[in-house]
Amino acid sequence: MSGHLRALFVDDDPAVLGGLKRMLRGIRNEIESDFVDNGPDALTKMEADGYDVVITDIRMPGMSGIEVLQAVSEEHPDMARIILSGYSDKADTLRATGLAHQYLAKPCDAAGLRSAIL
């Protein structure tokens, strides 16, 4: 692969975002990552910066991960969409998996995350 793959992580929990940043440090030569803590900021950042993949939690206040995925599927249909969530409500999970290319359960290790993204 030439160049960086660009990934945007969306999670309302600062501890989760911090953990992801630490986890991805070792592969930053393969994946260029940005992190936001809400859906509206994610959509704004996607418009401005462009990404190859979005990785989002499902349950977030304001705009849910499902709403983020819906917007991404409409506005950026070629962008890969991954759910990274510890939430397991069946109805929401089914709705989300229809919009996502992959579902990863929290906690996820660096190898699993790298494999899903690349």
C-alpha atoms as a PDB file:
ATOM      1  CA  MET A   1       0.000   0.000   0.000  1.00  0.00           C
ATOM      2  CA  SER A   2       1.410   3.382  -0.891  1.00  0.00           C
ATOM      3  CA  GLY A   3       0.727   6.357   1.339  1.00  0.00           C
ATOM      4  CA  HIS A   4      -1.387   6.391   4.436  1.00  0.00           C
ATOM      5  CA  LEU A   5      -4.849   5.033   4.870  1.00  0.00           C
ATOM      6  CA  ARG A   6      -6.897   7.765   6.578  1.00  0.00           C
ATOM      7  CA  ALA A   7      -9.171   6.710   9.442  1.00  0.00           C
ATOM      8  CA  LEU A   8     -11.594   8.768  11.525  1.00  0.00           C
ATOM      9  CA  PHE A   9     -12.610   7.434  14.947  1.00  0.00           C
ATOM     10  CA  VAL A  10     -15.835   8.653  16.569  1.00  0.00           C
ATOM     11  CA  ASP A  11     -16.578   7.930  20.244  1.00  0.00           C
ATOM     12  CA  ASP A  12     -18.051  10.120  22.980  1.00  0.00           C
ATOM     13  CA  ASP A  13     -15.818   8.537  25.658  1.00  0.00           C
ATOM     14  CA  PRO A  14     -12.472  10.378  26.007  1.00  0.00           C
ATOM     15  CA  ALA A  15     -10.920   7.306  27.661  1.00  0.00           C
ATOM     16  CA  VAL A  16     -11.798   5.156  24.636  1.00  0.00           C
ATOM     17  CA  LEU A  17     -10.359   7.733  22.228  1.00  0.00           C
ATOM     18  CA  GLY A  18      -7.185   7.978  24.331  1.00  0.00           C
ATOM     19  CA  GLY A  19      -6.835   4.206  24.350  1.00  0.00           C
ATOM     20  CA  LEU A  20      -7.277   4.045  20.578  1.00  0.00           C
ATOM     21  CA  LYS A  21      -4.627   6.735  20.074  1.00  0.00           C
ATOM     22  CA  ARG A  22      -2.154   4.774  22.197  1.00  0.00           C
ATOM     23  CA  MET A  23      -3.036   1.497  20.494  1.00  0.00           C
ATOM     24  CA  LEU A  24      -2.556   2.903  16.997  1.00  0.00           C
ATOM     25  CA  ARG A  25       0.786   4.626  17.632  1.00  0.00           C
ATOM     26  CA  GLY A  26       2.696   1.545  16.530  1.00  0.00           C
ATOM     27  CA  ILE A  27       1.028   1.477  13.111  1.00  0.00           C
ATOM     28  CA  ARG A  28       0.833   5.196  12.357  1.00  0.00           C
ATOM     29  CA  ASN A  29       3.079   4.588   9.333  1.00  0.00           C
ATOM     30  CA  GLU A  30       0.163   2.565   7.882  1.00  0.00           C
ATOM     31  CA  ILE A  31      -2.899   4.333   9.268  1.00  0.00           C
ATOM     32  CA  GLU A  32      -3.224   8.091   9.712  1.00  0.00           C
ATOM     33  CA  SER A  33      -5.873   8.512  12.403  1.00  0.00           C
ATOM     34  CA  ASP A  34      -7.999  11.396  13.632  1.00  0.00           C
ATOM     35  CA  PHE A  35     -10.364  11.320  16.598  1.00  0.00           C
ATOM     36  CA  VAL A  36     -13.597  13.190  17.368  1.00  0.00           C
ATOM     37  CA  ASP A  37     -16.041  12.843  20.247  1.00  0.00           C
ATOM     38  CA  ASN A  38     -19.364  13.417  18.466  1.00  0.00           C
ATOM     39  CA  GLY A  39     -21.212  12.797  15.212  1.00  0.00           C
ATOM     40  CA  PRO A  40     -21.616  16.372  13.945  1.00  0.00           C
ATOM     41  CA  ASP A  41     -17.871  17.022  14.319  1.00  0.00           C
ATOM     42  CA  ALA A  42     -17.179  13.743  12.500  1.00  0.00           C
ATOM     43  CA  LEU A  43     -19.331  14.745   9.525  1.00  0.00           C
ATOM     44  CA  THR A  44     -17.733  18.207   9.374  1.00  0.00           C
ATOM     45  CA  LYS A  45     -14.246  16.681   9.503  1.00  0.00           C
ATOM     46  CA  MET A  46     -15.100  14.193   6.745  1.00  0.00           C
ATOM     47  CA  GLU A  47     -16.227  17.002   4.463  1.00  0.00           C
ATOM     48  CA  ALA A  48     -13.077  19.020   5.115  1.00  0.00           C
ATOM     49  CA  ASP A  49     -10.406  16.316   5.238  1.00  0.00           C
ATOM     50  CA  GLY A  50     -11.631  13.172   3.477  1.00  0.00           C
ATOM     51  CA  TYR A  51     -11.099   9.689   4.912  1.00  0.00           C
ATOM     52  CA  ASP A  52     -10.905   6.120   3.696  1.00  0.00           C
ATOM     53  CA  VAL A  53     -12.680   4.644   6.718  1.00  0.00           C
ATOM     54  CA  VAL A  54     -14.844   5.771   9.637  1.00  0.00           C
ATOM     55  CA  ILE A  55     -14.929   3.774  12.877  1.00  0.00           C
ATOM     56  CA  THR A  56     -17.763   4.747  15.218  1.00  0.00           C
ATOM     57  CA  ASP A  57     -19.438   3.727  18.442  1.00  0.00           C
ATOM     58  CA  ILE A  58     -23.207   3.120  18.241  1.00  0.00           C
ATOM     59  CA  ARG A  59     -24.450   4.876  21.383  1.00  0.00           C
ATOM     60  CA  MET A  60     -23.513   8.515  21.656  1.00  0.00           C
ATOM     61  CA  PRO A  61     -25.507  11.507  22.919  1.00  0.00           C
ATOM     62  CA  GLY A  62     -26.941  13.859  20.319  1.00  0.00           C
ATOM     63  CA  MET A  63     -26.134  12.046  17.088  1.00  0.00           C
ATOM     64  CA  SER A  64     -25.862   8.268  17.378  1.00  0.00           C
ATOM     65  CA  GLY A  65     -23.352   6.149  15.530  1.00  0.00           C
ATOM     66  CA  ILE A  66     -26.223   4.801  13.449  1.00  0.00           C
ATOM     67  CA  GLU A  67     -26.996   8.353  12.297  1.00  0.00           C
ATOM     68  CA  VAL A  68     -23.298   8.908  11.534  1.00  0.00           C
ATOM     69  CA  LEU A  69     -23.199   5.729   9.448  1.00  0.00           C
ATOM     70  CA  GLN A  70     -26.409   6.681   7.625  1.00  0.00           C
ATOM     71  CA  ALA A  71     -24.980  10.090   6.689  1.00  0.00           C
ATOM     72  CA  VAL A  72     -21.654   8.576   5.621  1.00  0.00           C
ATOM     73  CA  SER A  73     -23.367   5.926   3.481  1.00  0.00           C
ATOM     74  CA  GLU A  74     -25.312   8.679   1.665  1.00  0.00           C
ATOM     75  CA  GLU A  75     -22.620  11.368   1.391  1.00  0.00           C
ATOM     76  CA  HIS A  76     -19.488   9.199   1.109  1.00  0.00           C
ATOM     77  CA  PRO A  77     -20.671   5.838  -0.253  1.00  0.00           C
ATOM     78  CA  ASP A  78     -17.123   4.667  -1.048  1.00  0.00           C
ATOM     79  CA  MET A  79     -15.901   5.190   2.524  1.00  0.00           C
ATOM     80  CA  ALA A  80     -15.548   2.008   4.573  1.00  0.00           C
ATOM     81  CA  ARG A  81     -17.774   2.017   7.658  1.00  0.00           C
ATOM     82  CA  ILE A  82     -16.893   0.089  10.836  1.00  0.00           C
ATOM     83  CA  ILE A  83     -18.699  -0.112  14.165  1.00  0.00           C
ATOM     84  CA  LEU A  84     -16.568  -0.386  17.311  1.00  0.00           C
ATOM     85  CA  SER A  85     -19.023  -0.783  20.152  1.00  0.00           C
ATOM     86  CA  GLY A  86     -19.636  -2.470  23.462  1.00  0.00           C
ATOM     87  CA  TYR A  87     -23.366  -1.869  23.118  1.00  0.00           C
ATOM     88  CA  SER A  88     -25.494  -4.897  22.344  1.00  0.00           C
ATOM     89  CA  ASP A  89     -29.131  -3.855  21.872  1.00  0.00           C
ATOM     90  CA  LYS A  90     -30.353  -6.213  19.146  1.00  0.00           C
ATOM     91  CA  ALA A  91     -32.529  -3.725  17.239  1.00  0.00           C
ATOM     92  CA  ASP A  92     -29.832  -1.031  17.120  1.00  0.00           C
ATOM     93  CA  THR A  93     -27.165  -3.584  16.262  1.00  0.00           C
ATOM     94  CA  LEU A  94     -29.239  -4.894  13.341  1.00  0.00           C
ATOM     95  CA  ARG A  95     -29.867  -1.371  12.030  1.00  0.00           C
ATOM     96  CA  ALA A  96     -26.194  -0.498  12.392  1.00  0.00           C
ATOM     97  CA  THR A  97     -24.878  -3.650  10.734  1.00  0.00           C
ATOM     98  CA  GLY A  98     -27.006  -2.863   7.686  1.00  0.00           C
ATOM     99  CA  LEU A  99     -25.043   0.388   7.344  1.00  0.00           C
ATOM    100  CA  ALA A 100     -21.604  -0.883   8.346  1.00  0.00           C
ATOM    101  CA  HIS A 101     -19.151  -3.105   6.530  1.00  0.00           C
ATOM    102  CA  GLN A 102     -17.853  -4.590   9.755  1.00  0.00           C
ATOM    103  CA  TYR A 103     -18.729  -4.789  13.455  1.00  0.00           C
ATOM    104  CA  LEU A 104     -16.020  -4.958  16.115  1.00  0.00           C
ATOM    105  CA  ALA A 105     -16.801  -5.489  19.785  1.00  0.00           C
ATOM    106  CA  LYS A 106     -15.128  -3.434  22.502  1.00  0.00           C
ATOM    107  CA  PRO A 107     -12.572  -4.033  23.753  1.00  0.00           C
ATOM    108  CA  CYS A 108     -10.695  -4.672  20.520  1.00  0.00           C
ATOM    109  CA  ASP A 109      -6.966  -5.281  20.352  1.00  0.00           C
ATOM    110  CA  ALA A 110      -4.575  -3.507  17.993  1.00  0.00           C
ATOM    111  CA  ALA A 111      -4.222  -6.525  15.695  1.00  0.00           C
ATOM    112  CA  GLY A 112      -7.978  -6.891  15.263  1.00  0.00           C
ATOM    113  CA  LEU A 113      -8.422  -3.196  14.638  1.00  0.00           C
ATOM    114  CA  ARG A 114      -5.536  -3.068  12.161  1.00  0.00           C
ATOM    115  CA  SER A 115      -6.901  -6.091  10.319  1.00  0.00           C
ATOM    116  CA  ALA A 116     -10.374  -4.561  10.040  1.00  0.00           C
ATOM    117  CA  ILE A 117      -9.090  -1.200   8.830  1.00  0.00           C
ATOM    118  CA  LEU A 118      -6.483  -2.432   6.380  1.00  0.00           C
END
